Protein backbone atom coordinates (compact mmCIF):
# COMPACT_ATOMS: atom_id res chain seq x y z
CA MET A 1 21.75 3.56 2.11
CA CYS A 2 20.09 2.38 -1.03
CA SER A 3 18.25 -0.71 -2.16
CA SER A 4 18.20 -2.87 -5.27
CA ASP A 5 15.70 -4.77 -7.37
CA LEU A 6 17.46 -7.96 -6.18
CA GLY A 7 16.42 -7.30 -2.57
CA ASP A 8 19.77 -5.99 -1.33
CA ILE A 9 20.39 -3.04 0.95
CA LEU A 10 23.64 -1.24 0.17
CA VAL A 11 25.32 0.91 2.81
CA LEU A 12 27.58 3.70 1.55
CA SER A 13 29.85 6.00 3.52
CA MET A 14 28.98 9.64 2.93
CA SER A 15 32.27 10.88 4.41
CA ASP A 16 34.52 9.15 1.89
CA ALA A 17 31.90 8.19 -0.75
CA LYS A 18 32.79 4.49 -0.56
CA PHE A 19 30.81 1.30 -0.45
CA LYS A 20 30.72 -0.13 3.11
CA PHE A 21 28.70 -3.34 2.94
CA ARG A 22 25.74 -5.14 1.37
CA TYR A 23 22.89 -6.79 3.25
CA THR A 24 20.86 -9.56 1.63
CA HIS A 25 18.10 -11.54 3.29
CA LYS A 26 16.45 -14.45 1.47
CA LYS A 27 13.05 -13.94 3.13
CA MET A 28 12.76 -10.27 2.24
CA GLY A 29 12.52 -8.47 -1.07
CA GLN A 30 11.89 -11.43 -3.37
CA LYS A 31 10.83 -8.89 -6.00
CA GLY A 32 13.28 -6.22 -4.94
CA ILE A 33 13.19 -3.39 -2.44
CA ASN A 34 11.35 -0.37 -3.83
CA THR A 35 11.57 2.03 -0.92
CA ILE A 36 13.61 2.32 2.24
CA VAL A 37 13.30 4.68 5.20
CA TYR A 38 15.86 5.27 7.96
CA CYS A 39 14.32 5.66 11.44
CA ASN A 40 15.95 6.73 14.70
CA ASP A 41 13.63 6.35 17.67
CA ASN A 42 15.49 7.62 20.78
CA GLY A 43 18.75 5.99 19.67
CA TYR A 44 17.16 2.80 18.32
CA GLU A 45 18.21 2.80 14.65
CA TYR A 46 16.29 0.76 12.12
CA LEU A 47 15.13 0.70 8.53
CA LEU A 48 11.71 0.13 7.07
CA ALA A 49 11.99 -1.58 3.70
CA GLY A 50 9.09 -1.79 1.24
CA CYS A 51 9.34 -4.63 -1.24
CA GLY A 52 7.91 -5.55 -4.63
CA ASP A 53 6.22 -8.65 -3.21
CA GLY A 54 4.16 -6.64 -0.70
CA VAL A 55 6.49 -7.19 2.26
CA THR A 56 7.23 -4.34 4.64
CA ALA A 57 10.19 -5.24 6.84
CA LEU A 58 11.81 -3.81 9.94
CA VAL A 59 15.59 -4.18 9.73
CA GLU A 60 17.67 -3.23 12.78
CA TRP A 61 20.92 -1.38 12.18
CA ASN A 62 23.75 -1.31 14.73
CA GLY A 63 25.02 1.98 13.24
CA ARG A 64 28.13 0.38 11.76
CA ASP A 65 28.18 -2.76 9.66
CA GLU A 66 25.33 -5.01 10.73
CA LEU A 67 21.70 -5.20 9.64
CA THR A 68 19.27 -7.76 11.08
CA LEU A 69 15.77 -8.58 9.87
CA LYS A 70 13.55 -8.36 12.99
CA ARG A 71 10.04 -8.67 11.59
CA LYS A 72 8.03 -8.35 8.43
CA VAL A 73 4.41 -8.08 7.36
CA ASP A 74 2.69 -8.83 4.04
CA LEU A 75 0.44 -6.12 2.59
CA ASP A 76 -1.74 -6.15 -0.52
CA GLY A 77 0.35 -5.09 -3.50
CA LYS A 78 3.85 -3.90 -4.30
CA ILE A 79 5.01 -1.32 -1.73
CA THR A 80 5.51 2.02 -3.50
CA SER A 81 6.05 4.43 -0.59
CA ILE A 82 6.75 4.58 3.13
CA SER A 83 6.56 7.77 5.19
CA ASN A 84 7.60 7.68 8.84
CA GLY A 85 6.74 10.55 11.16
CA TYR A 86 4.98 11.45 14.37
CA ASP A 87 2.35 9.46 16.22
CA PHE A 88 -0.59 9.92 13.85
CA LYS A 89 -3.03 7.53 15.52
CA SER A 90 -2.63 5.54 18.76
CA GLY A 91 0.99 4.51 18.23
CA LYS A 92 0.77 4.30 14.47
CA ASP A 93 3.46 6.57 13.02
CA THR A 94 4.01 5.36 9.46
CA PHE A 95 2.05 5.51 6.21
CA VAL A 96 2.59 2.78 3.62
CA GLY A 97 1.24 2.97 0.06
CA THR A 98 0.87 0.10 -2.41
CA GLU A 99 0.56 -0.28 -6.14
CA GLN A 100 -2.94 -1.73 -5.57
CA GLY A 101 -4.17 1.69 -4.39
CA ASN A 102 -4.16 0.87 -0.67
CA GLN A 103 -2.87 3.16 2.05
CA TYR A 104 -2.03 1.64 5.42
CA ILE A 105 -1.12 3.27 8.72
CA MET A 106 1.22 1.20 10.90
CA ASN A 107 3.34 1.18 14.00
CA SER A 108 6.92 1.25 12.69
CA ARG A 109 8.29 -0.84 15.56
CA THR A 110 5.66 -3.60 15.84
CA LEU A 111 4.43 -3.41 12.20
CA ASP A 112 0.83 -3.59 13.45
CA TYR A 113 -1.24 -1.96 10.71
CA GLU A 114 -4.70 -1.03 9.58
CA LEU A 115 -6.06 -0.18 6.16
CA ARG A 116 -6.60 3.58 6.08
CA SER A 117 -7.94 4.14 2.57
CA THR A 118 -8.30 2.53 -0.82
CA SER A 119 -8.56 3.72 -4.38
CA HIS A 120 -8.53 2.36 -7.88
CA TYR A 121 -4.99 1.78 -9.08
CA ASP A 122 -5.84 2.31 -12.74
CA SER A 123 -7.99 4.84 -14.57
CA ILE A 124 -11.68 5.01 -13.77
CA SER A 125 -13.69 4.31 -16.91
CA ASP A 126 -17.17 5.19 -15.60
CA ILE A 127 -19.09 6.46 -12.57
CA CYS A 128 -22.79 6.50 -11.71
CA PHE A 129 -25.09 7.49 -8.87
CA PRO A 130 -27.82 4.89 -8.28
CA ASN A 131 -31.34 6.23 -8.80
CA GLY A 132 -32.68 7.74 -5.59
CA LEU A 133 -29.43 7.17 -3.63
CA SER A 134 -27.35 10.33 -3.64
CA GLU A 135 -25.27 9.00 -0.73
CA LEU A 136 -23.75 6.26 -2.93
CA PHE A 137 -21.81 6.17 -6.15
CA ILE A 138 -20.31 3.34 -8.21
CA THR A 139 -17.01 3.38 -10.13
CA ALA A 140 -15.66 1.02 -12.77
CA SER A 141 -12.01 0.34 -13.54
CA ARG A 142 -9.61 -2.41 -14.51
CA ASN A 143 -10.23 -5.56 -12.46
CA ASP A 144 -12.89 -4.10 -10.17
CA ILE A 145 -16.13 -2.24 -9.56
CA ARG A 146 -16.47 -0.31 -6.30
CA VAL A 147 -19.40 1.09 -4.37
CA TRP A 148 -18.57 4.21 -2.33
CA ASP A 149 -20.16 6.21 0.47
CA ALA A 150 -20.33 9.73 -1.01
CA TYR A 151 -20.37 11.45 2.38
CA LYS A 152 -17.57 9.53 4.08
CA LEU A 153 -15.63 9.06 0.80
CA GLN A 154 -15.10 5.47 1.85
CA GLU A 155 -15.26 2.23 -0.10
CA LEU A 156 -18.20 0.05 0.94
CA LEU A 157 -17.97 -2.84 -1.53
CA ARG A 158 -15.40 -4.09 -4.03
CA ILE A 159 -16.28 -6.55 -6.77
CA GLN A 160 -13.10 -7.92 -8.31
CA VAL A 161 -12.92 -9.64 -11.68
CA PRO A 162 -9.26 -10.39 -12.54
CA ASN A 163 -8.13 -9.77 -16.12
CA LEU A 164 -11.34 -7.99 -17.05
CA THR A 165 -11.89 -4.25 -17.52
CA CYS A 166 -15.30 -2.83 -16.72
CA HIS A 167 -15.93 0.04 -19.13
CA CYS A 168 -19.28 1.23 -17.80
CA VAL A 169 -21.73 0.91 -14.91
CA ARG A 170 -25.40 1.73 -14.88
CA SER A 171 -28.09 1.84 -12.24
CA GLU A 172 -31.67 0.91 -12.99
CA GLU A 173 -34.81 1.59 -11.01
CA HIS A 174 -36.38 -1.45 -9.46
CA THR A 175 -40.00 -2.02 -10.40
CA SER A 176 -42.44 -4.69 -9.38
CA GLU A 177 -43.37 -5.45 -12.99
CA LEU A 178 -41.10 -6.84 -15.68
CA GLN A 179 -40.89 -4.48 -18.61
CA SER A 180 -40.38 -5.61 -22.16
CA PRO A 181 -37.76 -3.78 -24.21
CA LEU A 182 -40.19 -3.81 -27.21
């Protein structure tokens, strides 16, 4: 199987190297299908398709010539990767990554998900540790500034400013008196 930037899933026969059929669904893959994963869960065959519009879809396959869209979920950003495996966390068996730097963990059958981690999706232009707070650090990048917990390596706050790149961040001590720059 392979996918296209038009949102099609193409099924090819490996035994005779011939095209078998094409599946197109108007409510899936409006910006193409970027990644596709075949899953076989005790004989239940299905595909997980990750799309350019942020949709992750479960498509049932009858093993021959029929695909059926069963459910879909919208995530933040173009889907760039899907990895299906064992039960990683209470029924969640699939990792999904997006172009927006988000990593989700989801149940491949129900598509219930939770955000697992985040990161900047572009280069980091600056970092600082606020004065007297070694447990926090701040990063600057394109479109956002983030405050992180240094011990848990977890994002605490995201300040988003679309179409603006923050080149530097700085922390100042707070004083009770106003100080003149002169």
